[in-house]
Amino acid sequence: MSLPRWVMINRASELTGYSEDAIRHKVKNGTWAQGRIWRKTPDGRIAINMTEYDKWAESAPQEAA
């Protein structure tokens, strides 16, 4: 079963390991771009794009082991 592209904050928290508060903070302070990593749904809830989250997480430079 494949994962949906857009998930609610509680599911994104389960998948990423970030707390729901940490996700809300990244949304509020602009760490995650609106329309790309998150968006408001028609009923006003925040949905997280897991495909774009993965790209964001993979964008950090890695140090050699």
PDB file of N, CA and C in Angstrom:
ATOM      1  N   MET A   1       0.845  -1.179   0.000  1.00  0.00           N
ATOM      2  CA  MET A   1       0.000   0.000   0.000  1.00  0.00           C
ATOM      3  C   MET A   1       0.890   1.242   0.000  1.00  0.00           C
ATOM      4  N   SER A   2       0.613   2.152  -0.896  1.00  0.00           N
ATOM      5  CA  SER A   2       1.435   3.358  -0.963  1.00  0.00           C
ATOM      6  C   SER A   2       0.858   4.432  -0.041  1.00  0.00           C
ATOM      7  N   LEU A   3       1.728   5.302   0.379  1.00  0.00           N
ATOM      8  CA  LEU A   3       1.381   6.393   1.274  1.00  0.00           C
ATOM      9  C   LEU A   3       0.737   7.519   0.474  1.00  0.00           C
ATOM     10  N   PRO A   4      -0.322   8.139   1.012  1.00  0.00           N
ATOM     11  CA  PRO A   4      -0.879   9.303   0.313  1.00  0.00           C
ATOM     12  C   PRO A   4       0.143  10.433   0.285  1.00  0.00           C
ATOM     13  N   ARG A   5       0.062  11.254  -0.748  1.00  0.00           N
ATOM     14  CA  ARG A   5       0.996  12.375  -0.843  1.00  0.00           C
ATOM     15  C   ARG A   5       0.735  13.407   0.247  1.00  0.00           C
ATOM     16  N   TRP A   6      -0.513  13.739   0.494  1.00  0.00           N
ATOM     17  CA  TRP A   6      -0.876  14.739   1.504  1.00  0.00           C
ATOM     18  C   TRP A   6      -1.439  14.041   2.734  1.00  0.00           C
ATOM     19  N   VAL A   7      -0.891  14.367   3.916  1.00  0.00           N
ATOM     20  CA  VAL A   7      -1.377  13.796   5.166  1.00  0.00           C
ATOM     21  C   VAL A   7      -1.591  14.913   6.186  1.00  0.00           C
ATOM     22  N   MET A   8      -2.426  14.651   7.169  1.00  0.00           N
ATOM     23  CA  MET A   8      -2.663  15.611   8.239  1.00  0.00           C
ATOM     24  C   MET A   8      -1.466  15.628   9.196  1.00  0.00           C
ATOM     25  N   ILE A   9      -1.391  16.655  10.019  1.00  0.00           N
ATOM     26  CA  ILE A   9      -0.240  16.845  10.899  1.00  0.00           C
ATOM     27  C   ILE A   9      -0.008  15.633  11.804  1.00  0.00           C
ATOM     28  N   ASN A  10      -1.068  15.043  12.345  1.00  0.00           N
ATOM     29  CA  ASN A  10      -0.861  13.916  13.255  1.00  0.00           C
ATOM     30  C   ASN A  10      -0.193  12.737  12.548  1.00  0.00           C
ATOM     31  N   ARG A  11      -0.569  12.472  11.307  1.00  0.00           N
ATOM     32  CA  ARG A  11       0.058  11.375  10.549  1.00  0.00           C
ATOM     33  C   ARG A  11       1.480  11.753  10.144  1.00  0.00           C
ATOM     34  N   ALA A  12       1.701  13.003   9.766  1.00  0.00           N
ATOM     35  CA  ALA A  12       3.052  13.453   9.420  1.00  0.00           C
ATOM     36  C   ALA A  12       3.973  13.321  10.622  1.00  0.00           C
ATOM     37  N   SER A  13       3.457  13.578  11.811  1.00  0.00           N
ATOM     38  CA  SER A  13       4.241  13.425  13.024  1.00  0.00           C
ATOM     39  C   SER A  13       4.665  11.970  13.208  1.00  0.00           C
ATOM     40  N   GLU A  14       3.741  11.051  13.002  1.00  0.00           N
ATOM     41  CA  GLU A  14       4.054   9.623  13.116  1.00  0.00           C
ATOM     42  C   GLU A  14       5.119   9.206  12.109  1.00  0.00           C
ATOM     43  N   LEU A  15       5.035   9.733  10.904  1.00  0.00           N
ATOM     44  CA  LEU A  15       5.934   9.318   9.822  1.00  0.00           C
ATOM     45  C   LEU A  15       7.314   9.949   9.915  1.00  0.00           C
ATOM     46  N   THR A  16       7.393  11.173  10.417  1.00  0.00           N
ATOM     47  CA  THR A  16       8.671  11.889  10.417  1.00  0.00           C
ATOM     48  C   THR A  16       9.415  11.823  11.743  1.00  0.00           C
ATOM     49  N   GLY A  17       8.688  11.594  12.819  1.00  0.00           N
ATOM     50  CA  GLY A  17       9.312  11.643  14.141  1.00  0.00           C
ATOM     51  C   GLY A  17       9.298  13.026  14.758  1.00  0.00           C
ATOM     52  N   TYR A  18       8.900  14.049  14.007  1.00  0.00           N
ATOM     53  CA  TYR A  18       8.738  15.387  14.574  1.00  0.00           C
ATOM     54  C   TYR A  18       7.434  15.425  15.360  1.00  0.00           C
ATOM     55  N   SER A  19       7.424  16.125  16.486  1.00  0.00           N
ATOM     56  CA  SER A  19       6.179  16.278  17.239  1.00  0.00           C
ATOM     57  C   SER A  19       5.209  17.139  16.431  1.00  0.00           C
ATOM     58  N   GLU A  20       3.942  17.049  16.770  1.00  0.00           N
ATOM     59  CA  GLU A  20       2.950  17.887  16.094  1.00  0.00           C
ATOM     60  C   GLU A  20       3.274  19.361  16.305  1.00  0.00           C
ATOM     61  N   ASP A  21       3.735  19.724  17.514  1.00  0.00           N
ATOM     62  CA  ASP A  21       4.112  21.122  17.775  1.00  0.00           C
ATOM     63  C   ASP A  21       5.292  21.545  16.911  1.00  0.00           C
ATOM     64  N   ALA A  22       6.269  20.657  16.727  1.00  0.00           N
ATOM     65  CA  ALA A  22       7.429  20.988  15.892  1.00  0.00           C
ATOM     66  C   ALA A  22       6.998  21.212  14.438  1.00  0.00           C
ATOM     67  N   ILE A  23       6.071  20.413  13.964  1.00  0.00           N
ATOM     68  CA  ILE A  23       5.568  20.592  12.595  1.00  0.00           C
ATOM     69  C   ILE A  23       4.844  21.923  12.474  1.00  0.00           C
ATOM     70  N   ARG A  24       3.985  22.223  13.432  1.00  0.00           N
ATOM     71  CA  ARG A  24       3.270  23.507  13.404  1.00  0.00           C
ATOM     72  C   ARG A  24       4.252  24.680  13.441  1.00  0.00           C
ATOM     73  N   HIS A  25       5.337  24.541  14.192  1.00  0.00           N
ATOM     74  CA  HIS A  25       6.350  25.599  14.264  1.00  0.00           C
ATOM     75  C   HIS A  25       7.035  25.778  12.905  1.00  0.00           C
ATOM     76  N   LYS A  26       7.384  24.694  12.230  1.00  0.00           N
ATOM     77  CA  LYS A  26       8.019  24.779  10.910  1.00  0.00           C
ATOM     78  C   LYS A  26       7.082  25.442   9.892  1.00  0.00           C
ATOM     79  N   VAL A  27       5.793  25.172  10.025  1.00  0.00           N
ATOM     80  CA  VAL A  27       4.799  25.810   9.157  1.00  0.00           C
ATOM     81  C   VAL A  27       4.720  27.302   9.469  1.00  0.00           C
ATOM     82  N   LYS A  28       4.600  27.628  10.758  1.00  0.00           N
ATOM     83  CA  LYS A  28       4.402  29.018  11.172  1.00  0.00           C
ATOM     84  C   LYS A  28       5.609  29.901  10.886  1.00  0.00           C
ATOM     85  N   ASN A  29       6.826  29.382  11.119  1.00  0.00           N
ATOM     86  CA  ASN A  29       8.002  30.245  10.957  1.00  0.00           C
ATOM     87  C   ASN A  29       8.577  30.234   9.540  1.00  0.00           C
ATOM     88  N   GLY A  30       7.954  29.488   8.632  1.00  0.00           N
ATOM     89  CA  GLY A  30       8.378  29.520   7.239  1.00  0.00           C
ATOM     90  C   GLY A  30       9.485  28.547   6.872  1.00  0.00           C
ATOM     91  N   THR A  31       9.878  27.671   7.809  1.00  0.00           N
ATOM     92  CA  THR A  31      10.889  26.662   7.473  1.00  0.00           C
ATOM     93  C   THR A  31      10.391  25.792   6.321  1.00  0.00           C
ATOM     94  N   TRP A  32       9.100  25.481   6.355  1.00  0.00           N
ATOM     95  CA  TRP A  32       8.484  24.702   5.275  1.00  0.00           C
ATOM     96  C   TRP A  32       7.628  25.641   4.432  1.00  0.00           C
ATOM     97  N   ALA A  33       7.844  25.636   3.128  1.00  0.00           N
ATOM     98  CA  ALA A  33       7.161  26.554   2.216  1.00  0.00           C
ATOM     99  C   ALA A  33       5.691  26.174   2.018  1.00  0.00           C
ATOM    100  N   GLN A  34       4.835  27.179   2.169  1.00  0.00           N
ATOM    101  CA  GLN A  34       3.411  26.972   1.915  1.00  0.00           C
ATOM    102  C   GLN A  34       3.197  26.681   0.436  1.00  0.00           C
ATOM    103  N   GLY A  35       2.338  25.726   0.148  1.00  0.00           N
ATOM    104  CA  GLY A  35       2.044  25.346  -1.231  1.00  0.00           C
ATOM    105  C   GLY A  35       2.965  24.259  -1.742  1.00  0.00           C
ATOM    106  N   ARG A  36       4.107  24.094  -1.108  1.00  0.00           N
ATOM    107  CA  ARG A  36       5.031  23.046  -1.529  1.00  0.00           C
ATOM    108  C   ARG A  36       5.072  21.935  -0.482  1.00  0.00           C
ATOM    109  N   ILE A  37       5.452  22.253   0.752  1.00  0.00           N
ATOM    110  CA  ILE A  37       5.516  21.235   1.797  1.00  0.00           C
ATOM    111  C   ILE A  37       4.217  21.184   2.590  1.00  0.00           C
ATOM    112  N   TRP A  38       3.512  22.301   2.680  1.00  0.00           N
ATOM    113  CA  TRP A  38       2.234  22.274   3.388  1.00  0.00           C
ATOM    114  C   TRP A  38       1.229  23.177   2.698  1.00  0.00           C
ATOM    115  N   ARG A  39      -0.032  22.906   2.979  1.00  0.00           N
ATOM    116  CA  ARG A  39      -1.116  23.755   2.470  1.00  0.00           C
ATOM    117  C   ARG A  39      -2.329  23.609   3.365  1.00  0.00           C
ATOM    118  N   LYS A  40      -3.200  24.591   3.296  1.00  0.00           N
ATOM    119  CA  LYS A  40      -4.471  24.495   4.010  1.00  0.00           C
ATOM    120  C   LYS A  40      -5.464  23.778   3.114  1.00  0.00           C
ATOM    121  N   THR A  41      -6.189  22.857   3.707  1.00  0.00           N
ATOM    122  CA  THR A  41      -7.230  22.141   2.980  1.00  0.00           C
ATOM    123  C   THR A  41      -8.481  23.023   2.915  1.00  0.00           C
ATOM    124  N   PRO A  42      -9.463  22.670   2.098  1.00  0.00           N
ATOM    125  CA  PRO A  42     -10.665  23.491   2.006  1.00  0.00           C
ATOM    126  C   PRO A  42     -11.389  23.701   3.341  1.00  0.00           C
ATOM    127  N   ASP A  43     -11.219  22.773   4.285  1.00  0.00           N
ATOM    128  CA  ASP A  43     -11.865  22.950   5.586  1.00  0.00           C
ATOM    129  C   ASP A  43     -10.958  23.626   6.607  1.00  0.00           C
ATOM    130  N   GLY A  44      -9.793  24.146   6.159  1.00  0.00           N
ATOM    131  CA  GLY A  44      -8.922  24.943   7.007  1.00  0.00           C
ATOM    132  C   GLY A  44      -7.856  24.182   7.771  1.00  0.00           C
ATOM    133  N   ARG A  45      -7.796  22.867   7.594  1.00  0.00           N
ATOM    134  CA  ARG A  45      -6.760  22.091   8.277  1.00  0.00           C
ATOM    135  C   ARG A  45      -5.452  22.167   7.479  1.00  0.00           C
ATOM    136  N   ILE A  46      -4.350  21.861   8.137  1.00  0.00           N
ATOM    137  CA  ILE A  46      -3.041  21.870   7.472  1.00  0.00           C
ATOM    138  C   ILE A  46      -2.688  20.458   7.037  1.00  0.00           C
ATOM    139  N   ALA A  47      -2.319  20.316   5.775  1.00  0.00           N
ATOM    140  CA  ALA A  47      -1.892  19.033   5.217  1.00  0.00           C
ATOM    141  C   ALA A  47      -0.424  19.146   4.824  1.00  0.00           C
ATOM    142  N   ILE A  48       0.299  18.063   5.032  1.00  0.00           N
ATOM    143  CA  ILE A  48       1.733  18.012   4.739  1.00  0.00           C
ATOM    144  C   ILE A  48       1.963  17.117   3.532  1.00  0.00           C
ATOM    145  N   ASN A  49       2.754  17.613   2.584  1.00  0.00           N
ATOM    146  CA  ASN A  49       3.106  16.859   1.375  1.00  0.00           C
ATOM    147  C   ASN A  49       4.346  16.017   1.701  1.00  0.00           C
ATOM    148  N   MET A  50       4.154  14.713   1.848  1.00  0.00           N
ATOM    149  CA  MET A  50       5.249  13.849   2.276  1.00  0.00           C
ATOM    150  C   MET A  50       6.335  13.719   1.209  1.00  0.00           C
ATOM    151  N   THR A  51       5.971  13.812  -0.053  1.00  0.00           N
ATOM    152  CA  THR A  51       6.977  13.775  -1.118  1.00  0.00           C
ATOM    153  C   THR A  51       7.922  14.961  -0.985  1.00  0.00           C
ATOM    154  N   GLU A  52       7.377  16.148  -0.780  1.00  0.00           N
ATOM    155  CA  GLU A  52       8.191  17.352  -0.631  1.00  0.00           C
ATOM    156  C   GLU A  52       8.927  17.358   0.706  1.00  0.00           C
ATOM    157  N   TYR A  53       8.326  16.791   1.753  1.00  0.00           N
ATOM    158  CA  TYR A  53       9.042  16.668   3.026  1.00  0.00           C
ATOM    159  C   TYR A  53      10.309  15.835   2.816  1.00  0.00           C
ATOM    160  N   ASP A  54      10.185  14.712   2.109  1.00  0.00           N
ATOM    161  CA  ASP A  54      11.351  13.859   1.847  1.00  0.00           C
ATOM    162  C   ASP A  54      12.447  14.636   1.120  1.00  0.00           C
ATOM    163  N   LYS A  55      12.066  15.433   0.124  1.00  0.00           N
ATOM    164  CA  LYS A  55      13.054  16.238  -0.603  1.00  0.00           C
ATOM    165  C   LYS A  55      13.732  17.222   0.346  1.00  0.00           C
ATOM    166  N   TRP A  56      12.946  17.856   1.218  1.00  0.00           N
ATOM    167  CA  TRP A  56      13.499  18.810   2.188  1.00  0.00           C
ATOM    168  C   TRP A  56      14.471  18.106   3.113  1.00  0.00           C
ATOM    169  N   ALA A  57      14.094  16.936   3.640  1.00  0.00           N
ATOM    170  CA  ALA A  57      14.943  16.201   4.571  1.00  0.00           C
ATOM    171  C   ALA A  57      16.239  15.754   3.897  1.00  0.00           C
ATOM    172  N   GLU A  58      16.170  15.426   2.614  1.00  0.00           N
ATOM    173  CA  GLU A  58      17.349  14.971   1.885  1.00  0.00           C
ATOM    174  C   GLU A  58      18.230  16.109   1.396  1.00  0.00           C
ATOM    175  N   SER A  59      17.796  17.355   1.580  1.00  0.00           N
ATOM    176  CA  SER A  59      18.547  18.498   1.063  1.00  0.00           C
ATOM    177  C   SER A  59      19.690  18.928   1.983  1.00  0.00           C
ATOM    178  N   ALA A  60      19.715  18.432   3.206  1.00  0.00           N
ATOM    179  CA  ALA A  60      20.776  18.818   4.135  1.00  0.00           C
ATOM    180  C   ALA A  60      22.090  18.174   3.738  1.00  0.00           C
ATOM    181  N   PRO A  61      23.173  18.947   3.709  1.00  0.00           N
ATOM    182  CA  PRO A  61      24.480  18.353   3.378  1.00  0.00           C
ATOM    183  C   PRO A  61      24.868  17.323   4.433  1.00  0.00           C
ATOM    184  N   GLN A  62      25.492  16.259   3.988  1.00  0.00           N
ATOM    185  CA  GLN A  62      25.904  15.187   4.891  1.00  0.00           C
ATOM    186  C   GLN A  62      27.414  15.186   5.046  1.00  0.00           C
ATOM    187  N   GLU A  63      27.857  14.953   6.275  1.00  0.00           N
ATOM    188  CA  GLU A  63      29.282  14.859   6.536  1.00  0.00           C
ATOM    189  C   GLU A  63      29.751  13.432   6.230  1.00  0.00           C
ATOM    190  N   ALA A  64      30.984  13.309   5.829  1.00  0.00           N
ATOM    191  CA  ALA A  64      31.547  11.987   5.572  1.00  0.00           C
ATOM    192  C   ALA A  64      31.671  11.239   6.893  1.00  0.00           C
ATOM    193  N   ALA A  65      31.426   9.941   6.856  1.00  0.00           N
ATOM    194  CA  ALA A  65      31.463   9.117   8.079  1.00  0.00           C
ATOM    195  C   ALA A  65      32.881   8.898   8.561  1.00  0.00           C
TER     196      ALA A  65
END
